[in-house]
């Protein structure tokens, strides 16, 4: 597996974190991993639901009240 691509969506309201992920997924190599960093608490619902619908592996990590990390494997 290649080095994870970091997607920094800190300070961006939903749906921007999801849109940023979709943009990166379109140009990703097979089995590419991503680390998405977000600060909007609603990103959890959006990202986890999207990944579930598209059978994309996603691990959610709550770093703090205003920082959320997602490890996503396409």
PDB file of N, CA and C in Angstrom:
ATOM      1  N   UNK A   1       0.849  -1.187   0.000  1.00  0.00           N
ATOM      2  CA  UNK A   1       0.000   0.000   0.000  1.00  0.00           C
ATOM      3  C   UNK A   1       0.887   1.240   0.000  1.00  0.00           C
ATOM      4  N   UNK A   2       0.465   2.256  -0.745  1.00  0.00           N
ATOM      5  CA  UNK A   2       1.220   3.497  -0.812  1.00  0.00           C
ATOM      6  C   UNK A   2       0.965   4.344   0.435  1.00  0.00           C
ATOM      7  N   UNK A   3       1.769   5.376   0.582  1.00  0.00           N
ATOM      8  CA  UNK A   3       1.627   6.281   1.731  1.00  0.00           C
ATOM      9  C   UNK A   3       0.256   6.959   1.679  1.00  0.00           C
ATOM     10  N   UNK A   4      -0.437   7.059   2.834  1.00  0.00           N
ATOM     11  CA  UNK A   4      -1.758   7.701   2.836  1.00  0.00           C
ATOM     12  C   UNK A   4      -1.685   9.166   2.380  1.00  0.00           C
ATOM     13  N   UNK A   5      -2.681   9.573   1.641  1.00  0.00           N
ATOM     14  CA  UNK A   5      -2.814  10.964   1.213  1.00  0.00           C
ATOM     15  C   UNK A   5      -3.579  11.701   2.306  1.00  0.00           C
ATOM     16  N   UNK A   6      -3.060  12.842   2.730  1.00  0.00           N
ATOM     17  CA  UNK A   6      -3.717  13.629   3.776  1.00  0.00           C
ATOM     18  C   UNK A   6      -4.665  14.636   3.138  1.00  0.00           C
ATOM     19  N   UNK A   7      -5.910  14.630   3.608  1.00  0.00           N
ATOM     20  CA  UNK A   7      -6.919  15.590   3.167  1.00  0.00           C
ATOM     21  C   UNK A   7      -7.248  16.455   4.379  1.00  0.00           C
ATOM     22  N   UNK A   8      -6.883  17.716   4.315  1.00  0.00           N
ATOM     23  CA  UNK A   8      -7.088  18.619   5.450  1.00  0.00           C
ATOM     24  C   UNK A   8      -8.361  19.430   5.256  1.00  0.00           C
ATOM     25  N   UNK A   9      -9.434  19.022   5.948  1.00  0.00           N
ATOM     26  CA  UNK A   9     -10.705  19.722   5.872  1.00  0.00           C
ATOM     27  C   UNK A   9     -10.991  20.475   7.179  1.00  0.00           C
ATOM     28  N   UNK A  10      -9.945  20.728   7.955  1.00  0.00           N
ATOM     29  CA  UNK A  10     -10.119  21.461   9.222  1.00  0.00           C
ATOM     30  C   UNK A  10     -10.659  22.866   8.929  1.00  0.00           C
ATOM     31  N   UNK A  11     -11.678  23.267   9.689  1.00  0.00           N
ATOM     32  CA  UNK A  11     -12.263  24.593   9.527  1.00  0.00           C
ATOM     33  C   UNK A  11     -13.275  24.700   8.407  1.00  0.00           C
ATOM     34  N   UNK A  12     -13.502  23.614   7.688  1.00  0.00           N
ATOM     35  CA  UNK A  12     -14.453  23.641   6.579  1.00  0.00           C
ATOM     36  C   UNK A  12     -15.765  22.976   7.009  1.00  0.00           C
ATOM     37  N   UNK A  13     -16.889  23.672   6.807  1.00  0.00           N
ATOM     38  CA  UNK A  13     -18.180  23.100   7.198  1.00  0.00           C
ATOM     39  C   UNK A  13     -18.620  22.010   6.227  1.00  0.00           C
ATOM     40  N   UNK A  14     -19.491  21.129   6.699  1.00  0.00           N
ATOM     41  CA  UNK A  14     -20.062  20.108   5.827  1.00  0.00           C
ATOM     42  C   UNK A  14     -20.890  20.813   4.762  1.00  0.00           C
ATOM     43  N   UNK A  15     -20.905  20.308   3.559  1.00  0.00           N
ATOM     44  CA  UNK A  15     -20.405  19.009   3.111  1.00  0.00           C
ATOM     45  C   UNK A  15     -18.980  19.035   2.543  1.00  0.00           C
ATOM     46  N   UNK A  16     -18.201  20.066   2.811  1.00  0.00           N
ATOM     47  CA  UNK A  16     -16.865  20.191   2.205  1.00  0.00           C
ATOM     48  C   UNK A  16     -15.954  18.989   2.474  1.00  0.00           C
ATOM     49  N   UNK A  17     -15.867  18.450   3.714  1.00  0.00           N
ATOM     50  CA  UNK A  17     -14.990  17.288   3.907  1.00  0.00           C
ATOM     51  C   UNK A  17     -15.354  16.120   2.975  1.00  0.00           C
ATOM     52  N   UNK A  18     -16.644  15.860   2.806  1.00  0.00           N
ATOM     53  CA  UNK A  18     -17.086  14.781   1.922  1.00  0.00           C
ATOM     54  C   UNK A  18     -16.751  15.103   0.470  1.00  0.00           C
ATOM     55  N   UNK A  19     -16.970  16.326   0.047  1.00  0.00           N
ATOM     56  CA  UNK A  19     -16.657  16.713  -1.330  1.00  0.00           C
ATOM     57  C   UNK A  19     -15.158  16.604  -1.603  1.00  0.00           C
ATOM     58  N   UNK A  20     -14.346  16.978  -0.630  1.00  0.00           N
ATOM     59  CA  UNK A  20     -12.896  16.869  -0.780  1.00  0.00           C
ATOM     60  C   UNK A  20     -12.473  15.401  -0.899  1.00  0.00           C
ATOM     61  N   UNK A  21     -13.106  14.528  -0.119  1.00  0.00           N
ATOM     62  CA  UNK A  21     -12.816  13.100  -0.202  1.00  0.00           C
ATOM     63  C   UNK A  21     -13.209  12.555  -1.574  1.00  0.00           C
ATOM     64  N   UNK A  22     -14.397  12.901  -2.049  1.00  0.00           N
ATOM     65  CA  UNK A  22     -14.865  12.415  -3.349  1.00  0.00           C
ATOM     66  C   UNK A  22     -13.900  12.829  -4.460  1.00  0.00           C
ATOM     67  N   UNK A  23     -13.412  14.057  -4.400  1.00  0.00           N
ATOM     68  CA  UNK A  23     -12.474  14.556  -5.407  1.00  0.00           C
ATOM     69  C   UNK A  23     -11.192  13.709  -5.414  1.00  0.00           C
ATOM     70  N   UNK A  24     -10.687  13.397  -4.228  1.00  0.00           N
ATOM     71  CA  UNK A  24      -9.463  12.594  -4.128  1.00  0.00           C
ATOM     72  C   UNK A  24      -9.696  11.145  -4.555  1.00  0.00           C
ATOM     73  N   UNK A  25     -10.865  10.604  -4.225  1.00  0.00           N
ATOM     74  CA  UNK A  25     -11.174   9.216  -4.599  1.00  0.00           C
ATOM     75  C   UNK A  25     -11.211   9.046  -6.119  1.00  0.00           C
ATOM     76  N   UNK A  26     -11.690  10.074  -6.836  1.00  0.00           N
ATOM     77  CA  UNK A  26     -11.780   9.990  -8.299  1.00  0.00           C
ATOM     78  C   UNK A  26     -10.420   9.808  -8.947  1.00  0.00           C
ATOM     79  N   UNK A  27      -9.380  10.406  -8.365  1.00  0.00           N
ATOM     80  CA  UNK A  27      -8.055  10.330  -8.979  1.00  0.00           C
ATOM     81  C   UNK A  27      -7.119   9.355  -8.257  1.00  0.00           C
ATOM     82  N   UNK A  28      -7.673   8.576  -7.334  1.00  0.00           N
ATOM     83  CA  UNK A  28      -6.849   7.665  -6.516  1.00  0.00           C
ATOM     84  C   UNK A  28      -6.422   6.420  -7.270  1.00  0.00           C
ATOM     85  N   UNK A  29      -5.275   5.907  -6.891  1.00  0.00           N
ATOM     86  CA  UNK A  29      -4.790   4.624  -7.375  1.00  0.00           C
ATOM     87  C   UNK A  29      -5.561   3.521  -6.627  1.00  0.00           C
ATOM     88  N   UNK A  30      -5.622   2.305  -7.179  1.00  0.00           N
ATOM     89  CA  UNK A  30      -6.274   1.208  -6.441  1.00  0.00           C
ATOM     90  C   UNK A  30      -5.596   0.986  -5.085  1.00  0.00           C
ATOM     91  N   UNK A  31      -6.380   0.719  -4.082  1.00  0.00           N
ATOM     92  CA  UNK A  31      -5.910   0.457  -2.713  1.00  0.00           C
ATOM     93  C   UNK A  31      -5.209   1.656  -2.085  1.00  0.00           C
ATOM     94  N   UNK A  32      -5.573   2.848  -2.509  1.00  0.00           N
ATOM     95  CA  UNK A  32      -4.999   4.068  -1.930  1.00  0.00           C
ATOM     96  C   UNK A  32      -5.646   4.321  -0.569  1.00  0.00           C
ATOM     97  N   UNK A  33      -4.854   4.790   0.369  1.00  0.00           N
ATOM     98  CA  UNK A  33      -5.361   5.146   1.698  1.00  0.00           C
ATOM     99  C   UNK A  33      -5.345   6.663   1.849  1.00  0.00           C
ATOM    100  N   UNK A  34      -6.279   7.150   2.656  1.00  0.00           N
ATOM    101  CA  UNK A  34      -6.388   8.585   2.918  1.00  0.00           C
ATOM    102  C   UNK A  34      -6.525   8.809   4.410  1.00  0.00           C
ATOM    103  N   UNK A  35      -6.003   9.921   4.869  1.00  0.00           N
ATOM    104  CA  UNK A  35      -6.276  10.392   6.223  1.00  0.00           C
ATOM    105  C   UNK A  35      -6.969  11.733   6.044  1.00  0.00           C
ATOM    106  N   UNK A  36      -8.237  11.769   6.425  1.00  0.00           N
ATOM    107  CA  UNK A  36      -8.997  13.007   6.318  1.00  0.00           C
ATOM    108  C   UNK A  36      -9.132  13.594   7.704  1.00  0.00           C
ATOM    109  N   UNK A  37      -8.781  14.876   7.845  1.00  0.00           N
ATOM    110  CA  UNK A  37      -8.886  15.579   9.125  1.00  0.00           C
ATOM    111  C   UNK A  37      -9.991  16.613   8.990  1.00  0.00           C
ATOM    112  N   UNK A  38     -10.954  16.560   9.914  1.00  0.00           N
ATOM    113  CA  UNK A  38     -12.095  17.471   9.861  1.00  0.00           C
ATOM    114  C   UNK A  38     -12.380  18.035  11.252  1.00  0.00           C
ATOM    115  N   UNK A  39     -13.044  19.193  11.259  1.00  0.00           N
ATOM    116  CA  UNK A  39     -13.410  19.818  12.535  1.00  0.00           C
ATOM    117  C   UNK A  39     -14.924  19.908  12.712  1.00  0.00           C
ATOM    118  N   UNK A  40     -15.687  19.679  11.654  1.00  0.00           N
ATOM    119  CA  UNK A  40     -17.148  19.746  11.731  1.00  0.00           C
ATOM    120  C   UNK A  40     -17.683  18.427  12.282  1.00  0.00           C
ATOM    121  N   UNK A  41     -18.386  18.464  13.418  1.00  0.00           N
ATOM    122  CA  UNK A  41     -18.910  17.225  14.002  1.00  0.00           C
ATOM    123  C   UNK A  41     -19.871  16.471  13.077  1.00  0.00           C
ATOM    124  N   UNK A  42     -20.531  17.175  12.151  1.00  0.00           N
ATOM    125  CA  UNK A  42     -21.446  16.517  11.220  1.00  0.00           C
ATOM    126  C   UNK A  42     -20.708  15.683  10.183  1.00  0.00           C
ATOM    127  N   UNK A  43     -19.406  15.886  10.062  1.00  0.00           N
ATOM    128  CA  UNK A  43     -18.634  15.112   9.085  1.00  0.00           C
ATOM    129  C   UNK A  43     -18.688  13.621   9.400  1.00  0.00           C
ATOM    130  N   UNK A  44     -18.838  13.282  10.671  1.00  0.00           N
ATOM    131  CA  UNK A  44     -18.890  11.865  11.062  1.00  0.00           C
ATOM    132  C   UNK A  44     -20.040  11.157  10.353  1.00  0.00           C
ATOM    133  N   UNK A  45     -21.222  11.753  10.394  1.00  0.00           N
ATOM    134  CA  UNK A  45     -22.404  11.146   9.775  1.00  0.00           C
ATOM    135  C   UNK A  45     -22.212  11.060   8.266  1.00  0.00           C
ATOM    136  N   UNK A  46     -21.802  12.178   7.648  1.00  0.00           N
ATOM    137  CA  UNK A  46     -21.657  12.237   6.190  1.00  0.00           C
ATOM    138  C   UNK A  46     -20.633  11.231   5.679  1.00  0.00           C
ATOM    139  N   UNK A  47     -19.454  11.254   6.271  1.00  0.00           N
ATOM    140  CA  UNK A  47     -18.360  10.416   5.768  1.00  0.00           C
ATOM    141  C   UNK A  47     -18.602   8.932   6.025  1.00  0.00           C
ATOM    142  N   UNK A  48     -19.046   8.592   7.234  1.00  0.00           N
ATOM    143  CA  UNK A  48     -19.268   7.180   7.539  1.00  0.00           C
ATOM    144  C   UNK A  48     -20.400   6.600   6.682  1.00  0.00           C
ATOM    145  N   UNK A  49     -21.451   7.370   6.466  1.00  0.00           N
ATOM    146  CA  UNK A  49     -22.568   6.903   5.631  1.00  0.00           C
ATOM    147  C   UNK A  49     -22.119   6.733   4.177  1.00  0.00           C
ATOM    148  N   UNK A  50     -21.370   7.686   3.658  1.00  0.00           N
ATOM    149  CA  UNK A  50     -20.879   7.594   2.282  1.00  0.00           C
ATOM    150  C   UNK A  50     -19.988   6.356   2.106  1.00  0.00           C
ATOM    151  N   UNK A  51     -19.057   6.176   3.029  1.00  0.00           N
ATOM    152  CA  UNK A  51     -18.149   5.030   2.931  1.00  0.00           C
ATOM    153  C   UNK A  51     -18.912   3.710   3.031  1.00  0.00           C
ATOM    154  N   UNK A  52     -19.892   3.664   3.909  1.00  0.00           N
ATOM    155  CA  UNK A  52     -20.693   2.447   4.055  1.00  0.00           C
ATOM    156  C   UNK A  52     -21.462   2.149   2.764  1.00  0.00           C
ATOM    157  N   UNK A  53     -22.062   3.174   2.167  1.00  0.00           N
ATOM    158  CA  UNK A  53     -22.846   2.989   0.945  1.00  0.00           C
ATOM    159  C   UNK A  53     -21.983   2.503  -0.216  1.00  0.00           C
ATOM    160  N   UNK A  54     -20.713   2.895  -0.234  1.00  0.00           N
ATOM    161  CA  UNK A  54     -19.823   2.555  -1.347  1.00  0.00           C
ATOM    162  C   UNK A  54     -18.819   1.453  -0.987  1.00  0.00           C
ATOM    163  N   UNK A  55     -19.071   0.789   0.128  1.00  0.00           N
ATOM    164  CA  UNK A  55     -18.199  -0.305   0.603  1.00  0.00           C
ATOM    165  C   UNK A  55     -16.726   0.123   0.661  1.00  0.00           C
ATOM    166  N   UNK A  56     -16.506   1.299   1.236  1.00  0.00           N
ATOM    167  CA  UNK A  56     -15.157   1.819   1.435  1.00  0.00           C
ATOM    168  C   UNK A  56     -14.841   1.689   2.916  1.00  0.00           C
ATOM    169  N   UNK A  57     -13.688   1.111   3.219  1.00  0.00           N
ATOM    170  CA  UNK A  57     -13.287   0.920   4.611  1.00  0.00           C
ATOM    171  C   UNK A  57     -12.953   2.284   5.233  1.00  0.00           C
ATOM    172  N   UNK A  58     -13.553   2.568   6.389  1.00  0.00           N
ATOM    173  CA  UNK A  58     -13.354   3.863   7.048  1.00  0.00           C
ATOM    174  C   UNK A  58     -13.275   3.659   8.552  1.00  0.00           C
ATOM    175  N   UNK A  59     -12.203   4.170   9.136  1.00  0.00           N
ATOM    176  CA  UNK A  59     -12.028   4.109  10.584  1.00  0.00           C
ATOM    177  C   UNK A  59     -12.104   5.522  11.131  1.00  0.00           C
ATOM    178  N   UNK A  60     -12.977   5.734  12.112  1.00  0.00           N
ATOM    179  CA  UNK A  60     -13.216   7.053  12.704  1.00  0.00           C
ATOM    180  C   UNK A  60     -12.434   7.181  14.004  1.00  0.00           C
ATOM    181  N   UNK A  61     -11.712   8.299  14.149  1.00  0.00           N
ATOM    182  CA  UNK A  61     -10.966   8.575  15.377  1.00  0.00           C
ATOM    183  C   UNK A  61     -11.323   9.983  15.850  1.00  0.00           C
ATOM    184  N   UNK A  62     -11.888  10.069  17.048  1.00  0.00           N
ATOM    185  CA  UNK A  62     -12.208  11.380  17.622  1.00  0.00           C
ATOM    186  C   UNK A  62     -10.987  11.841  18.414  1.00  0.00           C
ATOM    187  N   UNK A  63     -10.267  12.805  17.867  1.00  0.00           N
ATOM    188  CA  UNK A  63      -9.050  13.310  18.495  1.00  0.00           C
ATOM    189  C   UNK A  63      -9.411  14.240  19.655  1.00  0.00           C
ATOM    190  N   UNK A  64     -10.396  15.113  19.427  1.00  0.00           N
ATOM    191  CA  UNK A  64     -10.882  16.034  20.463  1.00  0.00           C
ATOM    192  C   UNK A  64     -12.307  16.431  20.095  1.00  0.00           C
ATOM    193  N   UNK A  65     -12.883  17.348  20.857  1.00  0.00           N
ATOM    194  CA  UNK A  65     -14.257  17.794  20.573  1.00  0.00           C
ATOM    195  C   UNK A  65     -14.375  18.448  19.196  1.00  0.00           C
ATOM    196  N   UNK A  66     -13.276  19.019  18.714  1.00  0.00           N
ATOM    197  CA  UNK A  66     -13.321  19.719  17.434  1.00  0.00           C
ATOM    198  C   UNK A  66     -12.305  19.195  16.422  1.00  0.00           C
ATOM    199  N   UNK A  67     -11.871  17.957  16.601  1.00  0.00           N
ATOM    200  CA  UNK A  67     -10.960  17.366  15.613  1.00  0.00           C
ATOM    201  C   UNK A  67     -11.268  15.887  15.455  1.00  0.00           C
ATOM    202  N   UNK A  68     -11.539  15.522  14.199  1.00  0.00           N
ATOM    203  CA  UNK A  68     -11.917  14.160  13.858  1.00  0.00           C
ATOM    204  C   UNK A  68     -11.030  13.676  12.719  1.00  0.00           C
ATOM    205  N   UNK A  69     -10.516  12.476  12.837  1.00  0.00           N
ATOM    206  CA  UNK A  69      -9.685  11.888  11.790  1.00  0.00           C
ATOM    207  C   UNK A  69     -10.371  10.650  11.249  1.00  0.00           C
ATOM    208  N   UNK A  70     -10.223  10.445   9.961  1.00  0.00           N
ATOM    209  CA  UNK A  70     -10.805   9.294   9.290  1.00  0.00           C
ATOM    210  C   UNK A  70      -9.704   8.610   8.491  1.00  0.00           C
ATOM    211  N   UNK A  71      -9.502   7.331   8.728  1.00  0.00           N
ATOM    212  CA  UNK A  71      -8.588   6.547   7.916  1.00  0.00           C
ATOM    213  C   UNK A  71      -9.435   5.801   6.904  1.00  0.00           C
ATOM    214  N   UNK A  72      -9.267   6.145   5.640  1.00  0.00           N
ATOM    215  CA  UNK A  72     -10.115   5.635   4.575  1.00  0.00           C
ATOM    216  C   UNK A  72      -9.255   4.846   3.600  1.00  0.00           C
ATOM    217  N   UNK A  73      -9.709   3.655   3.245  1.00  0.00           N
ATOM    218  CA  UNK A  73      -8.991   2.812   2.282  1.00  0.00           C
ATOM    219  C   UNK A  73      -9.910   2.512   1.119  1.00  0.00           C
ATOM    220  N   UNK A  74      -9.508   2.969  -0.065  1.00  0.00           N
ATOM    221  CA  UNK A  74     -10.352   2.770  -1.249  1.00  0.00           C
ATOM    222  C   UNK A  74     -10.095   1.414  -1.882  1.00  0.00           C
TER     223      UNK A  74
END
